[in-house]
Amino acid sequence: VVTLLTGRYRLSRREACQLLKDLWQAEISLGGLSCLEGVTAEALAPVMAEVVQEIQGAESVNLDETGWSEGNSRAWLWTAVTPKVSLFRIEASRSGAVVEKLLGKDFSGVAGTDRYGAYNRIPLKQRALCHAPLKRNFQGLVDRGGEGARVGNWGVRELGRLFALWHRFQDGELDRKGMQEELKPIKARFGRLLEQGLWGEDPKAETLCWQLKQQWEALWTFAQVEGVEPTNNAAERALRPGVLWRKGSFGSQSQRGSRFAEVMMSVAASCRQQKRNLLGFLMAACRATLSDSPIPSLVSQSPTQG
């Protein structure tokens, strides 16, 4: 219950102690509460190892990152999400080395990402770029006006057509082959758009178009690979509880606090994805540790787990 209050509902430790006292007359010190958090994180360590293996062996994963603080140091909260599980890591770096650590050196699936440079460690044939930021990029050219506005307007129109096509596919109006056929003229026009931007007189439009030409292959992965989408919404949504945690507690104060945060966010998100009871899962994991019995799994669920 303590870890549910602080790790899922993001109560401060002081508030959690007061709540336990008000509801059940349970007197727990701040140090005692922190100890319970540490014990629970240790009990969930095998679960985290299993989640890492699931991520690294997945056919498709979505990745994202956001700022974090650990004590007085700058850090980043990373997430890797599949339809089944979510993994969170707090790292001192925002580099490609963390991407490799999350996915493993032998990752053979497809990673949905934005265009941040750290993800360039992933081969283009294994990347699926998020189109939502592109719409904002092209709209920014429109808002600036000048020579780049024409490129911006064209880009906004083509992305609108792309998302309309994707929604028709999701709604069952088109099968994958039909979507691929209707995507061909959009791709052709988009290619001409990038050429025009490269030869224009707006430096921001030129830079954007040059970058997209370099990443051309990854723009269309969603049309080829089952389970891949043209957005990175899965990872962006997964990060929202972490953002709320950061706003409420200003991050974590130590490495131990960071480990607790990433463990609880991973387990809570994965249970939510699987529609499993989080408190039940936490209780099962702690009981298994105390009785030296098998830890419940977040990857393979049996009727008695969670």
C-alpha atoms as a PDB file:
ATOM      1  CA  VAL A   1       0.000   0.000   0.000  1.00  0.00           C
ATOM      2  CA  VAL A   2       2.851   2.369   0.825  1.00  0.00           C
ATOM      3  CA  THR A   3       4.460   1.897  -2.583  1.00  0.00           C
ATOM      4  CA  LEU A   4       1.081   2.259  -4.271  1.00  0.00           C
ATOM      5  CA  LEU A   5       0.554   5.609  -2.547  1.00  0.00           C
ATOM      6  CA  THR A   6       3.971   7.058  -3.329  1.00  0.00           C
ATOM      7  CA  GLY A   7       4.817   5.218  -6.555  1.00  0.00           C
ATOM      8  CA  ARG A   8       1.462   5.219  -8.348  1.00  0.00           C
ATOM      9  CA  TYR A   9      -0.576   8.021  -6.819  1.00  0.00           C
ATOM     10  CA  ARG A  10       2.529  10.162  -6.314  1.00  0.00           C
ATOM     11  CA  LEU A  11       1.779  11.253  -2.725  1.00  0.00           C
ATOM     12  CA  SER A  12       4.743  12.740  -0.909  1.00  0.00           C
ATOM     13  CA  ARG A  13       6.234  10.458   1.710  1.00  0.00           C
ATOM     14  CA  ARG A  14       5.059  12.781   4.460  1.00  0.00           C
ATOM     15  CA  GLU A  15       1.479  12.749   3.127  1.00  0.00           C
ATOM     16  CA  ALA A  16       1.566   8.968   2.756  1.00  0.00           C
ATOM     17  CA  CYS A  17       2.646   8.596   6.395  1.00  0.00           C
ATOM     18  CA  GLN A  18      -0.186  10.866   7.491  1.00  0.00           C
ATOM     19  CA  LEU A  19      -2.748   8.999   5.381  1.00  0.00           C
ATOM     20  CA  LEU A  20      -1.723   5.648   6.848  1.00  0.00           C
ATOM     21  CA  LYS A  21      -2.079   7.119  10.324  1.00  0.00           C
ATOM     22  CA  ASP A  22      -5.484   8.668   9.589  1.00  0.00           C
ATOM     23  CA  LEU A  23      -6.954   5.541   7.962  1.00  0.00           C
ATOM     24  CA  TRP A  24      -5.439   2.721  10.002  1.00  0.00           C
ATOM     25  CA  GLN A  25      -3.602   4.364  12.903  1.00  0.00           C
ATOM     26  CA  ALA A  26      -0.396   2.944  11.406  1.00  0.00           C
ATOM     27  CA  GLU A  27       2.617   4.870  12.663  1.00  0.00           C
ATOM     28  CA  ILE A  28       5.406   4.780  10.049  1.00  0.00           C
ATOM     29  CA  SER A  29       8.389   7.100  10.009  1.00  0.00           C
ATOM     30  CA  LEU A  30       9.709   8.701   6.826  1.00  0.00           C
ATOM     31  CA  GLY A  31      12.769   6.457   7.044  1.00  0.00           C
ATOM     32  CA  GLY A  32      10.621   3.386   7.535  1.00  0.00           C
ATOM     33  CA  LEU A  33       8.493   4.301   4.545  1.00  0.00           C
ATOM     34  CA  SER A  34      11.598   4.790   2.403  1.00  0.00           C
ATOM     35  CA  CYS A  35      12.823   1.380   3.524  1.00  0.00           C
ATOM     36  CA  LEU A  36       9.552  -0.215   2.406  1.00  0.00           C
ATOM     37  CA  GLU A  37       9.981   1.416  -0.999  1.00  0.00           C
ATOM     38  CA  GLY A  38      13.470  -0.042  -1.293  1.00  0.00           C
ATOM     39  CA  VAL A  39      12.348  -3.524  -0.274  1.00  0.00           C
ATOM     40  CA  THR A  40       9.531  -3.453  -2.830  1.00  0.00           C
ATOM     41  CA  ALA A  41      11.866  -2.266  -5.596  1.00  0.00           C
ATOM     42  CA  GLU A  42      14.209  -5.159  -4.781  1.00  0.00           C
ATOM     43  CA  ALA A  43      11.308  -7.620  -4.894  1.00  0.00           C
ATOM     44  CA  LEU A  44      10.389  -6.316  -8.352  1.00  0.00           C
ATOM     45  CA  ALA A  45      13.937  -6.537  -9.751  1.00  0.00           C
ATOM     46  CA  PRO A  46      13.281  -9.911 -11.484  1.00  0.00           C
ATOM     47  CA  VAL A  47      10.110  -8.434 -12.986  1.00  0.00           C
ATOM     48  CA  MET A  48      12.120  -5.532 -14.405  1.00  0.00           C
ATOM     49  CA  ALA A  49      14.679  -7.917 -15.895  1.00  0.00           C
ATOM     50  CA  GLU A  50      11.857  -9.785 -17.599  1.00  0.00           C
ATOM     51  CA  VAL A  51      10.409  -6.536 -18.981  1.00  0.00           C
ATOM     52  CA  VAL A  52      13.826  -5.590 -20.406  1.00  0.00           C
ATOM     53  CA  GLN A  53      13.995  -8.932 -22.236  1.00  0.00           C
ATOM     54  CA  GLU A  54      10.485  -8.432 -23.575  1.00  0.00           C
ATOM     55  CA  ILE A  55      11.372  -4.970 -24.920  1.00  0.00           C
ATOM     56  CA  GLN A  56      14.597  -6.125 -26.546  1.00  0.00           C
ATOM     57  CA  GLY A  57      12.886  -9.058 -28.256  1.00  0.00           C
ATOM     58  CA  ALA A  58       9.801  -7.159 -29.413  1.00  0.00           C
ATOM     59  CA  GLU A  59       8.834  -6.763 -33.057  1.00  0.00           C
ATOM     60  CA  SER A  60       8.017  -3.092 -32.527  1.00  0.00           C
ATOM     61  CA  VAL A  61       8.834  -0.610 -29.745  1.00  0.00           C
ATOM     62  CA  ASN A  62       8.103   3.083 -29.252  1.00  0.00           C
ATOM     63  CA  LEU A  63      10.755   5.235 -27.572  1.00  0.00           C
ATOM     64  CA  ASP A  64      10.760   8.701 -26.028  1.00  0.00           C
ATOM     65  CA  GLU A  65      12.502  10.720 -23.316  1.00  0.00           C
ATOM     66  CA  THR A  66      11.954  13.773 -21.139  1.00  0.00           C
ATOM     67  CA  GLY A  67      13.921  15.771 -18.614  1.00  0.00           C
ATOM     68  CA  TRP A  68      14.388  14.613 -15.019  1.00  0.00           C
ATOM     69  CA  SER A  69      16.414  15.583 -11.953  1.00  0.00           C
ATOM     70  CA  GLU A  70      18.374  13.309  -9.639  1.00  0.00           C
ATOM     71  CA  GLY A  71      19.462  15.282  -6.615  1.00  0.00           C
ATOM     72  CA  ASN A  72      21.150  18.386  -7.974  1.00  0.00           C
ATOM     73  CA  SER A  73      22.075  16.739 -11.276  1.00  0.00           C
ATOM     74  CA  ARG A  74      20.392  16.815 -14.644  1.00  0.00           C
ATOM     75  CA  ALA A  75      18.975  13.479 -15.802  1.00  0.00           C
ATOM     76  CA  TRP A  76      16.495  12.077 -18.317  1.00  0.00           C
ATOM     77  CA  LEU A  77      13.540   9.756 -18.006  1.00  0.00           C
ATOM     78  CA  TRP A  78      13.427   7.303 -20.926  1.00  0.00           C
ATOM     79  CA  THR A  79      10.627   4.963 -21.887  1.00  0.00           C
ATOM     80  CA  ALA A  80      10.308   2.005 -24.243  1.00  0.00           C
ATOM     81  CA  VAL A  81       6.770   0.778 -24.902  1.00  0.00           C
ATOM     82  CA  THR A  82       5.241  -2.273 -26.551  1.00  0.00           C
ATOM     83  CA  PRO A  83       1.530  -3.163 -26.610  1.00  0.00           C
ATOM     84  CA  LYS A  84       2.176  -5.434 -23.617  1.00  0.00           C
ATOM     85  CA  VAL A  85       4.715  -3.727 -21.347  1.00  0.00           C
ATOM     86  CA  SER A  86       6.389  -0.379 -20.670  1.00  0.00           C
ATOM     87  CA  LEU A  87       9.939   0.101 -19.447  1.00  0.00           C
ATOM     88  CA  PHE A  88      11.192   3.273 -17.734  1.00  0.00           C
ATOM     89  CA  ARG A  89      14.820   4.157 -17.082  1.00  0.00           C
ATOM     90  CA  ILE A  90      16.337   7.241 -15.445  1.00  0.00           C
ATOM     91  CA  GLU A  91      19.744   7.973 -16.946  1.00  0.00           C
ATOM     92  CA  ALA A  92      22.303  10.740 -16.591  1.00  0.00           C
ATOM     93  CA  SER A  93      22.675  10.894 -20.380  1.00  0.00           C
ATOM     94  CA  ARG A  94      20.451  11.672 -23.356  1.00  0.00           C
ATOM     95  CA  SER A  95      22.832  10.013 -25.810  1.00  0.00           C
ATOM     96  CA  GLY A  96      22.540   7.179 -28.279  1.00  0.00           C
ATOM     97  CA  ALA A  97      24.291   4.909 -25.767  1.00  0.00           C
ATOM     98  CA  VAL A  98      21.078   4.877 -23.716  1.00  0.00           C
ATOM     99  CA  VAL A  99      19.069   3.932 -26.803  1.00  0.00           C
ATOM    100  CA  GLU A 100      21.395   0.991 -27.339  1.00  0.00           C
ATOM    101  CA  LYS A 101      21.093   0.058 -23.662  1.00  0.00           C
ATOM    102  CA  LEU A 102      17.299   0.054 -23.839  1.00  0.00           C
ATOM    103  CA  LEU A 103      17.024  -1.945 -27.048  1.00  0.00           C
ATOM    104  CA  GLY A 104      20.113  -4.111 -26.724  1.00  0.00           C
ATOM    105  CA  LYS A 105      22.767  -4.616 -29.368  1.00  0.00           C
ATOM    106  CA  ASP A 106      20.840  -7.408 -31.102  1.00  0.00           C
ATOM    107  CA  PHE A 107      17.511  -5.620 -31.452  1.00  0.00           C
ATOM    108  CA  SER A 108      15.901  -6.720 -34.726  1.00  0.00           C
ATOM    109  CA  GLY A 109      12.478  -5.075 -34.482  1.00  0.00           C
ATOM    110  CA  VAL A 110      11.209  -1.651 -35.511  1.00  0.00           C
ATOM    111  CA  ALA A 111      11.528   1.377 -33.227  1.00  0.00           C
ATOM    112  CA  GLY A 112       9.033   4.230 -33.429  1.00  0.00           C
ATOM    113  CA  THR A 113      10.785   7.503 -32.546  1.00  0.00           C
ATOM    114  CA  ASP A 114      10.911  11.206 -33.195  1.00  0.00           C
ATOM    115  CA  ARG A 115      13.844  12.726 -35.116  1.00  0.00           C
ATOM    116  CA  TYR A 116      16.084  13.365 -32.098  1.00  0.00           C
ATOM    117  CA  GLY A 117      19.690  12.542 -32.984  1.00  0.00           C
ATOM    118  CA  ALA A 118      20.213   9.895 -30.289  1.00  0.00           C
ATOM    119  CA  TYR A 119      17.942   7.565 -32.243  1.00  0.00           C
ATOM    120  CA  ASN A 120      20.237   7.681 -35.259  1.00  0.00           C
ATOM    121  CA  ARG A 121      22.004   4.663 -33.765  1.00  0.00           C
ATOM    122  CA  ILE A 122      19.035   2.648 -34.976  1.00  0.00           C
ATOM    123  CA  PRO A 123      19.355   1.688 -38.659  1.00  0.00           C
ATOM    124  CA  LEU A 124      16.868   3.535 -40.880  1.00  0.00           C
ATOM    125  CA  LYS A 125      15.295   0.280 -42.016  1.00  0.00           C
ATOM    126  CA  GLN A 126      14.386  -0.376 -38.366  1.00  0.00           C
ATOM    127  CA  ARG A 127      12.982   3.086 -37.609  1.00  0.00           C
ATOM    128  CA  ALA A 128       9.487   4.508 -37.940  1.00  0.00           C
ATOM    129  CA  LEU A 129       9.470   8.290 -37.676  1.00  0.00           C
ATOM    130  CA  CYS A 130       6.648  10.099 -35.929  1.00  0.00           C
ATOM    131  CA  HIS A 131       4.759  12.391 -38.340  1.00  0.00           C
ATOM    132  CA  ALA A 132       3.025  14.511 -35.701  1.00  0.00           C
ATOM    133  CA  PRO A 133       6.067  16.760 -35.069  1.00  0.00           C
ATOM    134  CA  LEU A 134       6.468  17.155 -38.836  1.00  0.00           C
ATOM    135  CA  LYS A 135       3.070  18.788 -39.027  1.00  0.00           C
ATOM    136  CA  ARG A 136       4.197  21.280 -36.381  1.00  0.00           C
ATOM    137  CA  ASN A 137       7.456  21.849 -38.270  1.00  0.00           C
ATOM    138  CA  PHE A 138       5.655  22.654 -41.516  1.00  0.00           C
ATOM    139  CA  GLN A 139       3.098  24.796 -39.699  1.00  0.00           C
ATOM    140  CA  GLY A 140       6.009  26.716 -38.201  1.00  0.00           C
ATOM    141  CA  LEU A 141       7.189  27.537 -41.734  1.00  0.00           C
ATOM    142  CA  VAL A 142       3.699  28.789 -42.541  1.00  0.00           C
ATOM    143  CA  ASP A 143       3.630  30.969 -39.442  1.00  0.00           C
ATOM    144  CA  ARG A 144       7.021  32.481 -40.277  1.00  0.00           C
ATOM    145  CA  GLY A 145       5.836  33.512 -43.704  1.00  0.00           C
ATOM    146  CA  GLY A 146       8.198  34.394 -46.519  1.00  0.00           C
ATOM    147  CA  GLU A 147       9.637  31.872 -48.962  1.00  0.00           C
ATOM    148  CA  GLY A 148       9.202  28.936 -46.593  1.00  0.00           C
ATOM    149  CA  ALA A 149       5.437  29.413 -46.241  1.00  0.00           C
ATOM    150  CA  ARG A 150       4.744  27.722 -49.574  1.00  0.00           C
ATOM    151  CA  VAL A 151       6.732  24.664 -48.505  1.00  0.00           C
ATOM    152  CA  GLY A 152       4.997  24.730 -45.134  1.00  0.00           C
ATOM    153  CA  ASN A 153       1.502  24.865 -46.613  1.00  0.00           C
ATOM    154  CA  TRP A 154       2.287  22.037 -48.994  1.00  0.00           C
ATOM    155  CA  GLY A 155       3.688  19.908 -46.177  1.00  0.00           C
ATOM    156  CA  VAL A 156       0.650  20.499 -43.951  1.00  0.00           C
ATOM    157  CA  ARG A 157      -1.669  19.453 -46.799  1.00  0.00           C
ATOM    158  CA  GLU A 158       0.210  16.238 -47.543  1.00  0.00           C
ATOM    159  CA  LEU A 159       0.393  15.241 -43.896  1.00  0.00           C
ATOM    160  CA  GLY A 160      -3.330  15.880 -43.592  1.00  0.00           C
ATOM    161  CA  ARG A 161      -3.895  13.482 -46.480  1.00  0.00           C
ATOM    162  CA  LEU A 162      -1.560  10.943 -44.877  1.00  0.00           C
ATOM    163  CA  PHE A 163      -3.400  10.943 -41.545  1.00  0.00           C
ATOM    164  CA  ALA A 164      -6.789  10.771 -43.288  1.00  0.00           C
ATOM    165  CA  LEU A 165      -5.564   7.695 -45.140  1.00  0.00           C
ATOM    166  CA  TRP A 166      -4.275   6.151 -41.921  1.00  0.00           C
ATOM    167  CA  HIS A 167      -7.610   6.685 -40.168  1.00  0.00           C
ATOM    168  CA  ARG A 168      -9.419   4.980 -43.057  1.00  0.00           C
ATOM    169  CA  PHE A 169      -7.063   2.036 -42.673  1.00  0.00           C
ATOM    170  CA  GLN A 170      -7.670   1.899 -38.923  1.00  0.00           C
ATOM    171  CA  ASP A 171     -11.431   2.062 -39.458  1.00  0.00           C
ATOM    172  CA  GLY A 172     -11.275  -0.936 -41.780  1.00  0.00           C
ATOM    173  CA  GLU A 173     -12.155   0.931 -44.960  1.00  0.00           C
ATOM    174  CA  LEU A 174      -8.845  -0.159 -46.508  1.00  0.00           C
ATOM    175  CA  ASP A 175      -6.638  -3.192 -46.137  1.00  0.00           C
ATOM    176  CA  ARG A 176      -2.871  -2.761 -45.983  1.00  0.00           C
ATOM    177  CA  LYS A 177      -2.404  -3.257 -49.716  1.00  0.00           C
ATOM    178  CA  GLY A 178      -5.083  -0.662 -50.430  1.00  0.00           C
ATOM    179  CA  MET A 179      -3.424   1.796 -48.052  1.00  0.00           C
ATOM    180  CA  GLN A 180      -0.070   1.254 -49.727  1.00  0.00           C
ATOM    181  CA  GLU A 181      -1.573   1.963 -53.149  1.00  0.00           C
ATOM    182  CA  GLU A 182      -3.255   5.178 -52.033  1.00  0.00           C
ATOM    183  CA  LEU A 183      -0.088   6.247 -50.275  1.00  0.00           C
ATOM    184  CA  LYS A 184       1.960   6.227 -53.503  1.00  0.00           C
ATOM    185  CA  PRO A 185       0.780   9.623 -54.836  1.00  0.00           C
ATOM    186  CA  ILE A 186       1.233  11.169 -51.382  1.00  0.00           C
ATOM    187  CA  LYS A 187       4.822   9.901 -51.284  1.00  0.00           C
ATOM    188  CA  ALA A 188       5.465  11.213 -54.788  1.00  0.00           C
ATOM    189  CA  ARG A 189       4.158  14.681 -53.964  1.00  0.00           C
ATOM    190  CA  PHE A 190       6.057  14.688 -50.690  1.00  0.00           C
ATOM    191  CA  GLY A 191       9.250  13.888 -52.558  1.00  0.00           C
ATOM    192  CA  ARG A 192       8.689  16.828 -54.896  1.00  0.00           C
ATOM    193  CA  LEU A 193       7.977  19.023 -51.898  1.00  0.00           C
ATOM    194  CA  LEU A 194      11.335  18.162 -50.343  1.00  0.00           C
ATOM    195  CA  GLU A 195      13.128  18.941 -53.607  1.00  0.00           C
ATOM    196  CA  GLN A 196      11.440  22.334 -53.768  1.00  0.00           C
ATOM    197  CA  GLY A 197      12.407  23.092 -50.172  1.00  0.00           C
ATOM    198  CA  LEU A 198      16.028  22.212 -50.868  1.00  0.00           C
ATOM    199  CA  TRP A 199      16.249  24.706 -53.716  1.00  0.00           C
ATOM    200  CA  GLY A 200      14.312  27.513 -52.050  1.00  0.00           C
ATOM    201  CA  GLU A 201      15.645  30.557 -50.252  1.00  0.00           C
ATOM    202  CA  ASP A 202      14.405  29.789 -46.748  1.00  0.00           C
ATOM    203  CA  PRO A 203      17.195  28.227 -44.616  1.00  0.00           C
ATOM    204  CA  LYS A 204      14.796  26.607 -42.123  1.00  0.00           C
ATOM    205  CA  ALA A 205      12.808  24.999 -44.914  1.00  0.00           C
ATOM    206  CA  GLU A 206      16.028  23.852 -46.539  1.00  0.00           C
ATOM    207  CA  THR A 207      17.285  22.272 -43.312  1.00  0.00           C
ATOM    208  CA  LEU A 208      14.001  20.491 -42.634  1.00  0.00           C
ATOM    209  CA  CYS A 209      13.762  19.135 -46.174  1.00  0.00           C
ATOM    210  CA  TRP A 210      17.384  17.991 -46.155  1.00  0.00           C
ATOM    211  CA  GLN A 211      16.872  16.114 -42.887  1.00  0.00           C
ATOM    212  CA  LEU A 212      13.725  14.419 -44.163  1.00  0.00           C
ATOM    213  CA  LYS A 213      15.463  13.322 -47.362  1.00  0.00           C
ATOM    214  CA  GLN A 214      18.174  11.705 -45.242  1.00  0.00           C
ATOM    215  CA  GLN A 215      15.490   9.840 -43.258  1.00  0.00           C
ATOM    216  CA  TRP A 216      13.154   9.146 -46.182  1.00  0.00           C
ATOM    217  CA  GLU A 217      12.978   5.384 -45.692  1.00  0.00           C
ATOM    218  CA  ALA A 218      11.866   5.696 -42.068  1.00  0.00           C
ATOM    219  CA  LEU A 219       8.970   8.002 -42.989  1.00  0.00           C
ATOM    220  CA  TRP A 220       6.997   5.155 -44.565  1.00  0.00           C
ATOM    221  CA  THR A 221       7.701   2.185 -42.285  1.00  0.00           C
ATOM    222  CA  PHE A 222       4.189   2.381 -40.842  1.00  0.00           C
ATOM    223  CA  ALA A 223       2.725   1.347 -44.202  1.00  0.00           C
ATOM    224  CA  GLN A 224       4.929  -1.731 -44.472  1.00  0.00           C
ATOM    225  CA  VAL A 225       5.148  -3.229 -40.975  1.00  0.00           C
ATOM    226  CA  GLU A 226       2.231  -4.600 -38.976  1.00  0.00           C
ATOM    227  CA  GLY A 227       1.834  -2.998 -35.556  1.00  0.00           C
ATOM    228  CA  VAL A 228       3.698   0.205 -36.474  1.00  0.00           C
ATOM    229  CA  GLU A 229       1.906   3.573 -36.533  1.00  0.00           C
ATOM    230  CA  PRO A 230       2.777   6.943 -38.132  1.00  0.00           C
ATOM    231  CA  THR A 231       2.941   8.576 -34.690  1.00  0.00           C
ATOM    232  CA  ASN A 232       4.852   8.006 -31.469  1.00  0.00           C
ATOM    233  CA  ASN A 233       1.747   8.491 -29.328  1.00  0.00           C
ATOM    234  CA  ALA A 234       2.266   5.289 -27.330  1.00  0.00           C
ATOM    235  CA  ALA A 235       5.572   6.483 -25.870  1.00  0.00           C
ATOM    236  CA  GLU A 236       4.419  10.084 -25.472  1.00  0.00           C
ATOM    237  CA  ARG A 237       1.343   8.990 -23.493  1.00  0.00           C
ATOM    238  CA  ALA A 238       3.461   6.647 -21.375  1.00  0.00           C
ATOM    239  CA  LEU A 239       5.675   9.552 -20.298  1.00  0.00           C
ATOM    240  CA  ARG A 240       2.814  11.654 -18.909  1.00  0.00           C
ATOM    241  CA  PRO A 241       2.750  10.011 -15.438  1.00  0.00           C
ATOM    242  CA  GLY A 242       6.504  10.565 -15.279  1.00  0.00           C
ATOM    243  CA  VAL A 243       6.053  14.231 -16.107  1.00  0.00           C
ATOM    244  CA  LEU A 244       3.473  14.526 -13.322  1.00  0.00           C
ATOM    245  CA  TRP A 245       5.846  12.748 -10.917  1.00  0.00           C
ATOM    246  CA  ARG A 246       8.617  15.185 -11.853  1.00  0.00           C
ATOM    247  CA  LYS A 247       6.361  18.200 -11.342  1.00  0.00           C
ATOM    248  CA  GLY A 248       5.188  16.981  -7.958  1.00  0.00           C
ATOM    249  CA  SER A 249       8.509  15.871  -6.509  1.00  0.00           C
ATOM    250  CA  PHE A 250      11.061  17.651  -8.739  1.00  0.00           C
ATOM    251  CA  GLY A 251      12.452  14.266  -9.755  1.00  0.00           C
ATOM    252  CA  SER A 252      14.315  11.999  -7.332  1.00  0.00           C
ATOM    253  CA  GLN A 253      16.856  12.810  -4.672  1.00  0.00           C
ATOM    254  CA  SER A 254      19.168   9.802  -5.047  1.00  0.00           C
ATOM    255  CA  GLN A 255      19.965   6.795  -7.191  1.00  0.00           C
ATOM    256  CA  ARG A 256      17.861   4.687  -4.849  1.00  0.00           C
ATOM    257  CA  GLY A 257      14.935   7.034  -5.401  1.00  0.00           C
ATOM    258  CA  SER A 258      15.452   6.863  -9.155  1.00  0.00           C
ATOM    259  CA  ARG A 259      15.418   3.058  -9.099  1.00  0.00           C
ATOM    260  CA  PHE A 260      12.161   3.074  -7.136  1.00  0.00           C
ATOM    261  CA  ALA A 261      10.601   5.579  -9.542  1.00  0.00           C
ATOM    262  CA  GLU A 262      11.521   3.671 -12.687  1.00  0.00           C
ATOM    263  CA  VAL A 263      10.423   0.334 -11.206  1.00  0.00           C
ATOM    264  CA  MET A 264       7.054   1.654 -10.066  1.00  0.00           C
ATOM    265  CA  MET A 265       6.365   3.499 -13.313  1.00  0.00           C
ATOM    266  CA  SER A 266       7.248   0.369 -15.315  1.00  0.00           C
ATOM    267  CA  VAL A 267       5.081  -1.973 -13.274  1.00  0.00           C
ATOM    268  CA  ALA A 268       2.148   0.463 -12.999  1.00  0.00           C
ATOM    269  CA  ALA A 269       2.105   1.183 -16.743  1.00  0.00           C
ATOM    270  CA  SER A 270       2.437  -2.487 -17.688  1.00  0.00           C
ATOM    271  CA  CYS A 271      -0.378  -3.511 -15.330  1.00  0.00           C
ATOM    272  CA  ARG A 272      -2.575  -0.791 -16.799  1.00  0.00           C
ATOM    273  CA  GLN A 273      -1.833  -1.988 -20.341  1.00  0.00           C
ATOM    274  CA  GLN A 274      -2.800  -5.531 -19.361  1.00  0.00           C
ATOM    275  CA  LYS A 275      -5.808  -4.429 -17.266  1.00  0.00           C
ATOM    276  CA  ARG A 276      -4.291  -6.072 -14.208  1.00  0.00           C
ATOM    277  CA  ASN A 277      -4.766  -4.984 -10.614  1.00  0.00           C
ATOM    278  CA  LEU A 278      -1.624  -3.127  -9.559  1.00  0.00           C
ATOM    279  CA  LEU A 279      -2.032  -3.591  -5.801  1.00  0.00           C
ATOM    280  CA  GLY A 280      -2.683  -7.296  -6.321  1.00  0.00           C
ATOM    281  CA  PHE A 281       0.463  -7.621  -8.401  1.00  0.00           C
ATOM    282  CA  LEU A 282       2.579  -5.761  -5.839  1.00  0.00           C
ATOM    283  CA  MET A 283       1.234  -7.946  -3.036  1.00  0.00           C
ATOM    284  CA  ALA A 284       1.923 -11.118  -5.020  1.00  0.00           C
ATOM    285  CA  ALA A 285       5.511 -10.025  -5.753  1.00  0.00           C
ATOM    286  CA  CYS A 286       6.243  -9.151  -2.122  1.00  0.00           C
ATOM    287  CA  ARG A 287       4.664 -12.356  -0.805  1.00  0.00           C
ATOM    288  CA  ALA A 288       6.672 -14.404  -3.299  1.00  0.00           C
ATOM    289  CA  THR A 289       9.880 -12.737  -2.107  1.00  0.00           C
ATOM    290  CA  LEU A 290       9.060 -13.376   1.554  1.00  0.00           C
ATOM    291  CA  SER A 291       8.209 -17.042   0.911  1.00  0.00           C
ATOM    292  CA  ASP A 292      11.067 -17.577  -1.559  1.00  0.00           C
ATOM    293  CA  SER A 293       8.599 -18.663  -4.262  1.00  0.00           C
ATOM    294  CA  PRO A 294       8.450 -17.710  -7.964  1.00  0.00           C
ATOM    295  CA  ILE A 295       7.895 -14.015  -8.658  1.00  0.00           C
ATOM    296  CA  PRO A 296       4.768 -13.203 -10.702  1.00  0.00           C
ATOM    297  CA  SER A 297       5.352 -12.344 -14.328  1.00  0.00           C
ATOM    298  CA  LEU A 298       4.369  -9.259 -16.322  1.00  0.00           C
ATOM    299  CA  VAL A 299       5.105 -11.063 -19.572  1.00  0.00           C
ATOM    300  CA  SER A 300       3.219 -14.336 -19.168  1.00  0.00           C
ATOM    301  CA  GLN A 301       0.085 -14.049 -17.075  1.00  0.00           C
ATOM    302  CA  SER A 302      -1.504 -16.996 -15.284  1.00  0.00           C
ATOM    303  CA  PRO A 303      -5.030 -16.869 -13.788  1.00  0.00           C
ATOM    304  CA  THR A 304      -3.602 -16.641 -10.269  1.00  0.00           C
ATOM    305  CA  GLN A 305      -1.296 -13.684 -10.937  1.00  0.00           C
ATOM    306  CA  GLY A 306      -2.241 -10.102 -10.146  1.00  0.00           C
END
